[in-house]
Amino acid sequence: MAERSGLSRAVVAAVCLGVTAVGLANTYGDNADVVALAQRTACGSGSCSYETLRQESSPLSQSFTFQVHLTEKGRERAASTDVECRRAYVLVGEYACKVTSGGVPGADSAR
């Protein structure tokens, strides 16, 4: 019985260490692809320029605020846009981003 107890403790410890490692990678890992996805989400369609105002990372999601400048038909529009990106599953999977507030008025968005 003591052998099972020691084995189960080792398995639980390994799972906890694995979850911690994945959470740290989500928070402090390279997120260039997530930033690019968030910028595309903030813009919608068309050509935009971005200025990053805020960036937050946690094990479960990443949040951004962009100042987006969109030029359409010779007119420039600008707005502050908040974007949140989350993984498909709690700590793993591909990121999907959505606009949570703001956005360029009248822009066709691929949200």
PDB file of N, CA and C in Angstrom:
ATOM      1  N   MET A   1       0.818  -1.176   0.000  1.00  0.00           N
ATOM      2  CA  MET A   1       0.000   0.000   0.000  1.00  0.00           C
ATOM      3  C   MET A   1       0.872   1.254   0.000  1.00  0.00           C
ATOM      4  N   ALA A   2       1.997   1.233   0.699  1.00  0.00           N
ATOM      5  CA  ALA A   2       2.883   2.384   0.767  1.00  0.00           C
ATOM      6  C   ALA A   2       3.486   2.679  -0.606  1.00  0.00           C
ATOM      7  N   GLU A   3       3.698   1.655  -1.429  1.00  0.00           N
ATOM      8  CA  GLU A   3       4.249   1.860  -2.769  1.00  0.00           C
ATOM      9  C   GLU A   3       3.277   2.659  -3.635  1.00  0.00           C
ATOM     10  N   ARG A   4       1.993   2.358  -3.552  1.00  0.00           N
ATOM     11  CA  ARG A   4       0.996   3.091  -4.330  1.00  0.00           C
ATOM     12  C   ARG A   4       0.928   4.541  -3.882  1.00  0.00           C
ATOM     13  N   SER A   5       1.018   4.781  -2.606  1.00  0.00           N
ATOM     14  CA  SER A   5       0.973   6.132  -2.080  1.00  0.00           C
ATOM     15  C   SER A   5       2.158   6.952  -2.596  1.00  0.00           C
ATOM     16  N   GLY A   6       3.333   6.356  -2.611  1.00  0.00           N
ATOM     17  CA  GLY A   6       4.517   7.050  -3.115  1.00  0.00           C
ATOM     18  C   GLY A   6       4.418   7.314  -4.604  1.00  0.00           C
ATOM     19  N   LEU A   7       3.883   6.361  -5.353  1.00  0.00           N
ATOM     20  CA  LEU A   7       3.718   6.525  -6.792  1.00  0.00           C
ATOM     21  C   LEU A   7       2.694   7.619  -7.096  1.00  0.00           C
ATOM     22  N   SER A   8       1.590   7.605  -6.383  1.00  0.00           N
ATOM     23  CA  SER A   8       0.565   8.627  -6.634  1.00  0.00           C
ATOM     24  C   SER A   8       1.076  10.023  -6.274  1.00  0.00           C
ATOM     25  N   ARG A   9       1.878  10.123  -5.230  1.00  0.00           N
ATOM     26  CA  ARG A   9       2.482  11.425  -4.883  1.00  0.00           C
ATOM     27  C   ARG A   9       3.405  11.902  -6.001  1.00  0.00           C
ATOM     28  N   ALA A  10       4.177  10.992  -6.546  1.00  0.00           N
ATOM     29  CA  ALA A  10       5.092  11.349  -7.630  1.00  0.00           C
ATOM     30  C   ALA A  10       4.324  11.793  -8.875  1.00  0.00           C
ATOM     31  N   VAL A  11       3.227  11.115  -9.182  1.00  0.00           N
ATOM     32  CA  VAL A  11       2.416  11.489 -10.348  1.00  0.00           C
ATOM     33  C   VAL A  11       1.782  12.863 -10.134  1.00  0.00           C
ATOM     34  N   VAL A  12       1.233  13.094  -8.966  1.00  0.00           N
ATOM     35  CA  VAL A  12       0.620  14.396  -8.671  1.00  0.00           C
ATOM     36  C   VAL A  12       1.667  15.500  -8.724  1.00  0.00           C
ATOM     37  N   ALA A  13       2.837  15.266  -8.185  1.00  0.00           N
ATOM     38  CA  ALA A  13       3.913  16.268  -8.228  1.00  0.00           C
ATOM     39  C   ALA A  13       4.328  16.544  -9.667  1.00  0.00           C
ATOM     40  N   ALA A  14       4.437  15.501 -10.497  1.00  0.00           N
ATOM     41  CA  ALA A  14       4.821  15.676 -11.899  1.00  0.00           C
ATOM     42  C   ALA A  14       3.761  16.471 -12.659  1.00  0.00           C
ATOM     43  N   VAL A  15       2.501  16.190 -12.416  1.00  0.00           N
ATOM     44  CA  VAL A  15       1.418  16.932 -13.074  1.00  0.00           C
ATOM     45  C   VAL A  15       1.455  18.400 -12.651  1.00  0.00           C
ATOM     46  N   CYS A  16       1.645  18.650 -11.379  1.00  0.00           N
ATOM     47  CA  CYS A  16       1.720  20.036 -10.890  1.00  0.00           C
ATOM     48  C   CYS A  16       2.897  20.786 -11.506  1.00  0.00           C
ATOM     49  N   LEU A  17       4.040  20.148 -11.591  1.00  0.00           N
ATOM     50  CA  LEU A  17       5.209  20.782 -12.218  1.00  0.00           C
ATOM     51  C   LEU A  17       4.967  21.037 -13.704  1.00  0.00           C
ATOM     52  N   GLY A  18       4.323  20.103 -14.383  1.00  0.00           N
ATOM     53  CA  GLY A  18       4.015  20.275 -15.804  1.00  0.00           C
ATOM     54  C   GLY A  18       3.068  21.435 -16.048  1.00  0.00           C
ATOM     55  N   VAL A  19       2.010  21.537 -15.247  1.00  0.00           N
ATOM     56  CA  VAL A  19       1.054  22.639 -15.378  1.00  0.00           C
ATOM     57  C   VAL A  19       1.739  23.972 -15.089  1.00  0.00           C
ATOM     58  N   THR A  20       2.599  24.005 -14.093  1.00  0.00           N
ATOM     59  CA  THR A  20       3.345  25.227 -13.778  1.00  0.00           C
ATOM     60  C   THR A  20       4.250  25.629 -14.930  1.00  0.00           C
ATOM     61  N   ALA A  21       4.940  24.663 -15.526  1.00  0.00           N
ATOM     62  CA  ALA A  21       5.832  24.956 -16.658  1.00  0.00           C
ATOM     63  C   ALA A  21       5.052  25.503 -17.854  1.00  0.00           C
ATOM     64  N   VAL A  22       3.897  24.921 -18.156  1.00  0.00           N
ATOM     65  CA  VAL A  22       3.077  25.407 -19.272  1.00  0.00           C
ATOM     66  C   VAL A  22       2.564  26.817 -18.964  1.00  0.00           C
ATOM     67  N   GLY A  23       2.133  27.068 -17.741  1.00  0.00           N
ATOM     68  CA  GLY A  23       1.678  28.403 -17.360  1.00  0.00           C
ATOM     69  C   GLY A  23       2.771  29.452 -17.476  1.00  0.00           C
ATOM     70  N   LEU A  24       3.973  29.093 -17.063  1.00  0.00           N
ATOM     71  CA  LEU A  24       5.107  30.026 -17.194  1.00  0.00           C
ATOM     72  C   LEU A  24       5.437  30.288 -18.657  1.00  0.00           C
ATOM     73  N   ALA A  25       5.384  29.251 -19.485  1.00  0.00           N
ATOM     74  CA  ALA A  25       5.646  29.430 -20.918  1.00  0.00           C
ATOM     75  C   ALA A  25       4.581  30.333 -21.545  1.00  0.00           C
ATOM     76  N   ASN A  26       3.327  30.185 -21.154  1.00  0.00           N
ATOM     77  CA  ASN A  26       2.263  31.044 -21.681  1.00  0.00           C
ATOM     78  C   ASN A  26       2.457  32.496 -21.265  1.00  0.00           C
ATOM     79  N   THR A  27       2.953  32.718 -20.055  1.00  0.00           N
ATOM     80  CA  THR A  27       3.109  34.076 -19.536  1.00  0.00           C
ATOM     81  C   THR A  27       4.374  34.756 -20.047  1.00  0.00           C
ATOM     82  N   TYR A  28       5.490  34.038 -20.036  1.00  0.00           N
ATOM     83  CA  TYR A  28       6.778  34.670 -20.329  1.00  0.00           C
ATOM     84  C   TYR A  28       7.394  34.237 -21.653  1.00  0.00           C
ATOM     85  N   GLY A  29       6.765  33.349 -22.397  1.00  0.00           N
ATOM     86  CA  GLY A  29       7.313  32.867 -23.666  1.00  0.00           C
ATOM     87  C   GLY A  29       7.189  33.898 -24.773  1.00  0.00           C
ATOM     88  N   ASP A  30       7.793  33.587 -25.913  1.00  0.00           N
ATOM     89  CA  ASP A  30       7.737  34.454 -27.086  1.00  0.00           C
ATOM     90  C   ASP A  30       6.299  34.519 -27.584  1.00  0.00           C
ATOM     91  N   ASN A  31       5.756  35.723 -27.703  1.00  0.00           N
ATOM     92  CA  ASN A  31       4.368  35.872 -28.122  1.00  0.00           C
ATOM     93  C   ASN A  31       4.226  36.706 -29.389  1.00  0.00           C
ATOM     94  N   ALA A  32       5.237  36.726 -30.233  1.00  0.00           N
ATOM     95  CA  ALA A  32       5.188  37.530 -31.454  1.00  0.00           C
ATOM     96  C   ALA A  32       4.020  37.123 -32.350  1.00  0.00           C
ATOM     97  N   ASP A  33       3.741  35.822 -32.446  1.00  0.00           N
ATOM     98  CA  ASP A  33       2.625  35.375 -33.279  1.00  0.00           C
ATOM     99  C   ASP A  33       1.280  35.791 -32.688  1.00  0.00           C
ATOM    100  N   VAL A  34       1.173  35.839 -31.367  1.00  0.00           N
ATOM    101  CA  VAL A  34      -0.070  36.263 -30.719  1.00  0.00           C
ATOM    102  C   VAL A  34      -0.271  37.765 -30.917  1.00  0.00           C
ATOM    103  N   VAL A  35       0.793  38.536 -30.848  1.00  0.00           N
ATOM    104  CA  VAL A  35       0.704  39.985 -31.071  1.00  0.00           C
ATOM    105  C   VAL A  35       0.241  40.254 -32.502  1.00  0.00           C
ATOM    106  N   ALA A  36       0.804  39.537 -33.473  1.00  0.00           N
ATOM    107  CA  ALA A  36       0.401  39.718 -34.869  1.00  0.00           C
ATOM    108  C   ALA A  36      -1.070  39.362 -35.070  1.00  0.00           C
ATOM    109  N   LEU A  37      -1.521  38.274 -34.453  1.00  0.00           N
ATOM    110  CA  LEU A  37      -2.930  37.879 -34.541  1.00  0.00           C
ATOM    111  C   LEU A  37      -3.825  38.936 -33.891  1.00  0.00           C
ATOM    112  N   ALA A  38      -3.413  39.475 -32.766  1.00  0.00           N
ATOM    113  CA  ALA A  38      -4.192  40.513 -32.082  1.00  0.00           C
ATOM    114  C   ALA A  38      -4.260  41.787 -32.931  1.00  0.00           C
ATOM    115  N   GLN A  39      -3.175  42.143 -33.590  1.00  0.00           N
ATOM    116  CA  GLN A  39      -3.179  43.324 -34.461  1.00  0.00           C
ATOM    117  C   GLN A  39      -4.133  43.138 -35.630  1.00  0.00           C
ATOM    118  N   ARG A  40      -4.102  41.949 -36.260  1.00  0.00           N
ATOM    119  CA  ARG A  40      -5.028  41.676 -37.367  1.00  0.00           C
ATOM    120  C   ARG A  40      -6.482  41.723 -36.887  1.00  0.00           C
ATOM    121  N   THR A  41      -6.728  41.229 -35.693  1.00  0.00           N
ATOM    122  CA  THR A  41      -8.076  41.248 -35.127  1.00  0.00           C
ATOM    123  C   THR A  41      -8.514  42.677 -34.839  1.00  0.00           C
ATOM    124  N   ALA A  42      -7.624  43.497 -34.330  1.00  0.00           N
ATOM    125  CA  ALA A  42      -7.962  44.894 -34.019  1.00  0.00           C
ATOM    126  C   ALA A  42      -8.284  45.676 -35.276  1.00  0.00           C
ATOM    127  N   CYS A  43      -7.600  45.372 -36.366  1.00  0.00           N
ATOM    128  CA  CYS A  43      -7.783  46.101 -37.616  1.00  0.00           C
ATOM    129  C   CYS A  43      -9.015  45.628 -38.365  1.00  0.00           C
ATOM    130  N   GLY A  44      -9.270  44.334 -38.372  1.00  0.00           N
ATOM    131  CA  GLY A  44     -10.333  43.795 -39.209  1.00  0.00           C
ATOM    132  C   GLY A  44      -9.763  43.575 -40.594  1.00  0.00           C
ATOM    133  N   SER A  45     -10.270  44.289 -41.581  1.00  0.00           N
ATOM    134  CA  SER A  45      -9.729  44.173 -42.930  1.00  0.00           C
ATOM    135  C   SER A  45      -9.212  45.535 -43.367  1.00  0.00           C
ATOM    136  N   GLY A  46      -8.383  45.545 -44.368  1.00  0.00           N
ATOM    137  CA  GLY A  46      -7.788  46.796 -44.823  1.00  0.00           C
ATOM    138  C   GLY A  46      -6.374  46.931 -44.303  1.00  0.00           C
ATOM    139  N   SER A  47      -5.773  48.076 -44.607  1.00  0.00           N
ATOM    140  CA  SER A  47      -4.414  48.300 -44.129  1.00  0.00           C
ATOM    141  C   SER A  47      -4.458  49.253 -42.948  1.00  0.00           C
ATOM    142  N   CYS A  48      -3.822  48.841 -41.892  1.00  0.00           N
ATOM    143  CA  CYS A  48      -3.828  49.621 -40.656  1.00  0.00           C
ATOM    144  C   CYS A  48      -2.400  49.858 -40.189  1.00  0.00           C
ATOM    145  N   SER A  49      -2.260  50.837 -39.343  1.00  0.00           N
ATOM    146  CA  SER A  49      -1.025  50.985 -38.590  1.00  0.00           C
ATOM    147  C   SER A  49      -1.412  50.911 -37.117  1.00  0.00           C
ATOM    148  N   TYR A  50      -0.485  50.423 -36.304  1.00  0.00           N
ATOM    149  CA  TYR A  50      -0.792  50.141 -34.908  1.00  0.00           C
ATOM    150  C   TYR A  50       0.208  50.820 -33.998  1.00  0.00           C
ATOM    151  N   GLU A  51      -0.268  51.147 -32.840  1.00  0.00           N
ATOM    152  CA  GLU A  51       0.596  51.560 -31.747  1.00  0.00           C
ATOM    153  C   GLU A  51       0.114  50.784 -30.528  1.00  0.00           C
ATOM    154  N   THR A  52       0.996  50.020 -29.921  1.00  0.00           N
ATOM    155  CA  THR A  52       0.619  49.227 -28.758  1.00  0.00           C
ATOM    156  C   THR A  52       0.610  50.126 -27.531  1.00  0.00           C
ATOM    157  N   LEU A  53      -0.539  50.234 -26.890  1.00  0.00           N
ATOM    158  CA  LEU A  53      -0.677  51.061 -25.701  1.00  0.00           C
ATOM    159  C   LEU A  53      -0.531  50.246 -24.416  1.00  0.00           C
ATOM    160  N   ARG A  54      -0.995  48.980 -24.461  1.00  0.00           N
ATOM    161  CA  ARG A  54      -0.973  48.129 -23.269  1.00  0.00           C
ATOM    162  C   ARG A  54      -0.861  46.682 -23.704  1.00  0.00           C
ATOM    163  N   GLN A  55      -0.122  45.911 -22.915  1.00  0.00           N
ATOM    164  CA  GLN A  55       0.029  44.484 -23.189  1.00  0.00           C
ATOM    165  C   GLN A  55       0.113  43.746 -21.858  1.00  0.00           C
ATOM    166  N   GLU A  56      -0.765  42.755 -21.656  1.00  0.00           N
ATOM    167  CA  GLU A  56      -0.772  41.956 -20.431  1.00  0.00           C
ATOM    168  C   GLU A  56      -0.749  40.480 -20.790  1.00  0.00           C
ATOM    169  N   SER A  57       0.005  39.711 -20.036  1.00  0.00           N
ATOM    170  CA  SER A  57       0.057  38.267 -20.235  1.00  0.00           C
ATOM    171  C   SER A  57      -0.224  37.556 -18.925  1.00  0.00           C
ATOM    172  N   SER A  58      -0.991  36.496 -19.013  1.00  0.00           N
ATOM    173  CA  SER A  58      -1.238  35.625 -17.875  1.00  0.00           C
ATOM    174  C   SER A  58      -1.203  34.194 -18.396  1.00  0.00           C
ATOM    175  N   PRO A  59      -1.212  33.210 -17.534  1.00  0.00           N
ATOM    176  CA  PRO A  59      -1.212  31.827 -18.023  1.00  0.00           C
ATOM    177  C   PRO A  59      -2.444  31.495 -18.867  1.00  0.00           C
ATOM    178  N   LEU A  60      -3.559  32.193 -18.650  1.00  0.00           N
ATOM    179  CA  LEU A  60      -4.807  31.847 -19.328  1.00  0.00           C
ATOM    180  C   LEU A  60      -5.127  32.707 -20.540  1.00  0.00           C
ATOM    181  N   SER A  61      -4.605  33.921 -20.619  1.00  0.00           N
ATOM    182  CA  SER A  61      -4.933  34.795 -21.746  1.00  0.00           C
ATOM    183  C   SER A  61      -3.890  35.896 -21.898  1.00  0.00           C
ATOM    184  N   GLN A  62      -3.993  36.601 -23.020  1.00  0.00           N
ATOM    185  CA  GLN A  62      -3.180  37.784 -23.255  1.00  0.00           C
ATOM    186  C   GLN A  62      -4.117  38.894 -23.705  1.00  0.00           C
ATOM    187  N   SER A  63      -3.916  40.098 -23.189  1.00  0.00           N
ATOM    188  CA  SER A  63      -4.766  41.241 -23.512  1.00  0.00           C
ATOM    189  C   SER A  63      -3.913  42.370 -24.059  1.00  0.00           C
ATOM    190  N   PHE A  64      -4.467  43.090 -25.014  1.00  0.00           N
ATOM    191  CA  PHE A  64      -3.758  44.179 -25.669  1.00  0.00           C
ATOM    192  C   PHE A  64      -4.696  45.360 -25.843  1.00  0.00           C
ATOM    193  N   THR A  65      -4.131  46.560 -25.842  1.00  0.00           N
ATOM    194  CA  THR A  65      -4.838  47.754 -26.270  1.00  0.00           C
ATOM    195  C   THR A  65      -3.984  48.395 -27.350  1.00  0.00           C
ATOM    196  N   PHE A  66      -4.598  48.608 -28.513  1.00  0.00           N
ATOM    197  CA  PHE A  66      -3.911  49.207 -29.649  1.00  0.00           C
ATOM    198  C   PHE A  66      -4.571  50.523 -30.008  1.00  0.00           C
ATOM    199  N   GLN A  67      -3.764  51.466 -30.466  1.00  0.00           N
ATOM    200  CA  GLN A  67      -4.282  52.644 -31.145  1.00  0.00           C
ATOM    201  C   GLN A  67      -4.188  52.284 -32.619  1.00  0.00           C
ATOM    202  N   VAL A  68      -5.335  52.120 -33.255  1.00  0.00           N
ATOM    203  CA  VAL A  68      -5.391  51.655 -34.630  1.00  0.00           C
ATOM    204  C   VAL A  68      -5.698  52.837 -35.539  1.00  0.00           C
ATOM    205  N   HIS A  69      -4.917  52.981 -36.617  1.00  0.00           N
ATOM    206  CA  HIS A  69      -5.139  54.011 -37.632  1.00  0.00           C
ATOM    207  C   HIS A  69      -5.469  53.293 -38.930  1.00  0.00           C
ATOM    208  N   LEU A  70      -6.662  53.534 -39.458  1.00  0.00           N
ATOM    209  CA  LEU A  70      -7.140  52.891 -40.679  1.00  0.00           C
ATOM    210  C   LEU A  70      -7.363  53.956 -41.734  1.00  0.00           C
ATOM    211  N   THR A  71      -6.782  53.760 -42.919  1.00  0.00           N
ATOM    212  CA  THR A  71      -6.988  54.693 -44.023  1.00  0.00           C
ATOM    213  C   THR A  71      -7.839  53.998 -45.074  1.00  0.00           C
ATOM    214  N   GLU A  72      -9.028  54.550 -45.308  1.00  0.00           N
ATOM    215  CA  GLU A  72      -9.958  54.027 -46.303  1.00  0.00           C
ATOM    216  C   GLU A  72     -10.450  55.163 -47.174  1.00  0.00           C
ATOM    217  N   LYS A  73     -10.315  55.001 -48.495  1.00  0.00           N
ATOM    218  CA  LYS A  73     -10.815  55.994 -49.456  1.00  0.00           C
ATOM    219  C   LYS A  73     -10.304  57.389 -49.138  1.00  0.00           C
ATOM    220  N   GLY A  74      -9.023  57.479 -48.776  1.00  0.00           N
ATOM    221  CA  GLY A  74      -8.411  58.765 -48.495  1.00  0.00           C
ATOM    222  C   GLY A  74      -8.736  59.358 -47.143  1.00  0.00           C
ATOM    223  N   ARG A  75      -9.564  58.694 -46.366  1.00  0.00           N
ATOM    224  CA  ARG A  75      -9.917  59.175 -45.026  1.00  0.00           C
ATOM    225  C   ARG A  75      -9.217  58.334 -43.989  1.00  0.00           C
ATOM    226  N   GLU A  76      -8.663  59.000 -43.006  1.00  0.00           N
ATOM    227  CA  GLU A  76      -8.023  58.260 -41.912  1.00  0.00           C
ATOM    228  C   GLU A  76      -8.940  58.266 -40.697  1.00  0.00           C
ATOM    229  N   ARG A  77      -9.107  57.079 -40.132  1.00  0.00           N
ATOM    230  CA  ARG A  77      -9.874  56.931 -38.900  1.00  0.00           C
ATOM    231  C   ARG A  77      -8.972  56.287 -37.872  1.00  0.00           C
ATOM    232  N   ALA A  78      -9.161  56.668 -36.623  1.00  0.00           N
ATOM    233  CA  ALA A  78      -8.346  56.109 -35.543  1.00  0.00           C
ATOM    234  C   ALA A  78      -9.234  55.802 -34.349  1.00  0.00           C
ATOM    235  N   ALA A  79      -8.851  54.776 -33.629  1.00  0.00           N
ATOM    236  CA  ALA A  79      -9.589  54.410 -32.425  1.00  0.00           C
ATOM    237  C   ALA A  79      -8.712  53.538 -31.553  1.00  0.00           C
ATOM    238  N   SER A  80      -9.045  53.524 -30.283  1.00  0.00           N
ATOM    239  CA  SER A  80      -8.406  52.632 -29.332  1.00  0.00           C
ATOM    240  C   SER A  80      -9.204  51.326 -29.332  1.00  0.00           C
ATOM    241  N   THR A  81      -8.510  50.202 -29.415  1.00  0.00           N
ATOM    242  CA  THR A  81      -9.169  48.898 -29.503  1.00  0.00           C
ATOM    243  C   THR A  81      -8.564  47.945 -28.489  1.00  0.00           C
ATOM    244  N   ASP A  82      -9.416  47.312 -27.684  1.00  0.00           N
ATOM    245  CA  ASP A  82      -8.982  46.294 -26.728  1.00  0.00           C
ATOM    246  C   ASP A  82      -9.220  44.922 -27.333  1.00  0.00           C
ATOM    247  N   VAL A  83      -8.200  44.073 -27.273  1.00  0.00           N
ATOM    248  CA  VAL A  83      -8.262  42.725 -27.835  1.00  0.00           C
ATOM    249  C   VAL A  83      -7.835  41.734 -26.766  1.00  0.00           C
ATOM    250  N   GLU A  84      -8.577  40.623 -26.663  1.00  0.00           N
ATOM    251  CA  GLU A  84      -8.202  39.554 -25.737  1.00  0.00           C
ATOM    252  C   GLU A  84      -7.979  38.276 -26.535  1.00  0.00           C
ATOM    253  N   CYS A  85      -6.873  37.607 -26.250  1.00  0.00           N
ATOM    254  CA  CYS A  85      -6.528  36.359 -26.925  1.00  0.00           C
ATOM    255  C   CYS A  85      -6.476  35.241 -25.890  1.00  0.00           C
ATOM    256  N   ARG A  86      -7.149  34.143 -26.210  1.00  0.00           N
ATOM    257  CA  ARG A  86      -7.176  32.972 -25.323  1.00  0.00           C
ATOM    258  C   ARG A  86      -6.853  31.730 -26.130  1.00  0.00           C
ATOM    259  N   ARG A  87      -6.318  30.737 -25.439  1.00  0.00           N
ATOM    260  CA  ARG A  87      -6.041  29.459 -26.084  1.00  0.00           C
ATOM    261  C   ARG A  87      -7.335  28.666 -26.252  1.00  0.00           C
ATOM    262  N   ALA A  88      -7.311  27.718 -27.180  1.00  0.00           N
ATOM    263  CA  ALA A  88      -8.500  26.899 -27.441  1.00  0.00           C
ATOM    264  C   ALA A  88      -8.893  26.082 -26.215  1.00  0.00           C
ATOM    265  N   TYR A  89      -7.911  25.586 -25.504  1.00  0.00           N
ATOM    266  CA  TYR A  89      -8.145  24.846 -24.265  1.00  0.00           C
ATOM    267  C   TYR A  89      -7.465  25.644 -23.161  1.00  0.00           C
ATOM    268  N   VAL A  90      -7.718  25.346 -21.938  1.00  0.00           N
ATOM    269  CA  VAL A  90      -7.307  26.213 -20.831  1.00  0.00           C
ATOM    270  C   VAL A  90      -5.848  26.668 -20.940  1.00  0.00           C
ATOM    271  N   LEU A  91      -4.897  25.777 -21.058  1.00  0.00           N
ATOM    272  CA  LEU A  91      -3.482  26.155 -21.122  1.00  0.00           C
ATOM    273  C   LEU A  91      -2.802  25.808 -22.436  1.00  0.00           C
ATOM    274  N   VAL A  92      -3.458  25.085 -23.308  1.00  0.00           N
ATOM    275  CA  VAL A  92      -2.842  24.638 -24.561  1.00  0.00           C
ATOM    276  C   VAL A  92      -3.778  24.883 -25.732  1.00  0.00           C
ATOM    277  N   GLY A  93      -3.260  24.749 -26.930  1.00  0.00           N
ATOM    278  CA  GLY A  93      -4.046  24.945 -28.142  1.00  0.00           C
ATOM    279  C   GLY A  93      -3.684  26.254 -28.813  1.00  0.00           C
ATOM    280  N   GLU A  94      -4.272  26.478 -29.968  1.00  0.00           N
ATOM    281  CA  GLU A  94      -4.025  27.702 -30.726  1.00  0.00           C
ATOM    282  C   GLU A  94      -4.743  28.878 -30.064  1.00  0.00           C
ATOM    283  N   TYR A  95      -4.162  30.059 -30.231  1.00  0.00           N
ATOM    284  CA  TYR A  95      -4.791  31.267 -29.708  1.00  0.00           C
ATOM    285  C   TYR A  95      -5.884  31.736 -30.669  1.00  0.00           C
ATOM    286  N   ALA A  96      -6.961  32.261 -30.115  1.00  0.00           N
ATOM    287  CA  ALA A  96      -8.015  32.940 -30.866  1.00  0.00           C
ATOM    288  C   ALA A  96      -8.232  34.288 -30.189  1.00  0.00           C
ATOM    289  N   CYS A  97      -8.332  35.334 -30.991  1.00  0.00           N
ATOM    290  CA  CYS A  97      -8.466  36.687 -30.445  1.00  0.00           C
ATOM    291  C   CYS A  97      -9.826  37.268 -30.789  1.00  0.00           C
ATOM    292  N   LYS A  98     -10.315  38.141 -29.908  1.00  0.00           N
ATOM    293  CA  LYS A  98     -11.560  38.855 -30.172  1.00  0.00           C
ATOM    294  C   LYS A  98     -11.458  40.265 -29.613  1.00  0.00           C
ATOM    295  N   VAL A  99     -12.148  41.193 -30.260  1.00  0.00           N
ATOM    296  CA  VAL A  99     -12.197  42.574 -29.795  1.00  0.00           C
ATOM    297  C   VAL A  99     -13.161  42.625 -28.617  1.00  0.00           C
ATOM    298  N   THR A 100     -12.697  43.172 -27.507  1.00  0.00           N
ATOM    299  CA  THR A 100     -13.558  43.262 -26.326  1.00  0.00           C
ATOM    300  C   THR A 100     -14.176  44.643 -26.170  1.00  0.00           C
ATOM    301  N   SER A 101     -13.523  45.684 -26.702  1.00  0.00           N
ATOM    302  CA  SER A 101     -14.130  47.012 -26.688  1.00  0.00           C
ATOM    303  C   SER A 101     -13.402  47.906 -27.659  1.00  0.00           C
ATOM    304  N   GLY A 102     -14.079  48.950 -28.074  1.00  0.00           N
ATOM    305  CA  GLY A 102     -13.492  49.912 -28.983  1.00  0.00           C
ATOM    306  C   GLY A 102     -13.529  49.409 -30.415  1.00  0.00           C
ATOM    307  N   GLY A 103     -12.623  49.923 -31.198  1.00  0.00           N
ATOM    308  CA  GLY A 103     -12.537  49.545 -32.599  1.00  0.00           C
ATOM    309  C   GLY A 103     -12.782  50.744 -33.491  1.00  0.00           C
ATOM    310  N   VAL A 104     -12.302  50.631 -34.720  1.00  0.00           N
ATOM    311  CA  VAL A 104     -12.475  51.701 -35.684  1.00  0.00           C
ATOM    312  C   VAL A 104     -13.911  51.655 -36.201  1.00  0.00           C
ATOM    313  N   PRO A 105     -14.677  52.725 -36.041  1.00  0.00           N
ATOM    314  CA  PRO A 105     -16.069  52.718 -36.494  1.00  0.00           C
ATOM    315  C   PRO A 105     -16.157  52.524 -38.001  1.00  0.00           C
ATOM    316  N   GLY A 106     -17.045  51.655 -38.414  1.00  0.00           N
ATOM    317  CA  GLY A 106     -17.273  51.427 -39.832  1.00  0.00           C
ATOM    318  C   GLY A 106     -16.277  50.515 -40.500  1.00  0.00           C
ATOM    319  N   ALA A 107     -15.294  50.009 -39.773  1.00  0.00           N
ATOM    320  CA  ALA A 107     -14.316  49.109 -40.375  1.00  0.00           C
ATOM    321  C   ALA A 107     -14.936  47.734 -40.489  1.00  0.00           C
ATOM    322  N   ASP A 108     -14.723  47.088 -41.649  1.00  0.00           N
ATOM    323  CA  ASP A 108     -15.175  45.703 -41.801  1.00  0.00           C
ATOM    324  C   ASP A 108     -14.224  44.835 -41.026  1.00  0.00           C
ATOM    325  N   SER A 109     -14.729  44.196 -40.006  1.00  0.00           N
ATOM    326  CA  SER A 109     -13.851  43.453 -39.118  1.00  0.00           C
ATOM    327  C   SER A 109     -14.064  41.970 -39.273  1.00  0.00           C
ATOM    328  N   ALA A 110     -12.960  41.219 -39.187  1.00  0.00           N
ATOM    329  CA  ALA A 110     -12.996  39.758 -39.278  1.00  0.00           C
ATOM    330  C   ALA A 110     -12.947  39.184 -37.887  1.00  0.00           C
ATOM    331  N   ARG A 111     -13.848  39.575 -37.048  1.00  0.00           N
ATOM    332  CA  ARG A 111     -13.828  39.132 -35.646  1.00  0.00           C
ATOM    333  C   ARG A 111     -14.410  37.784 -35.524  1.00  0.00           C
TER     334      ARG A 111
END
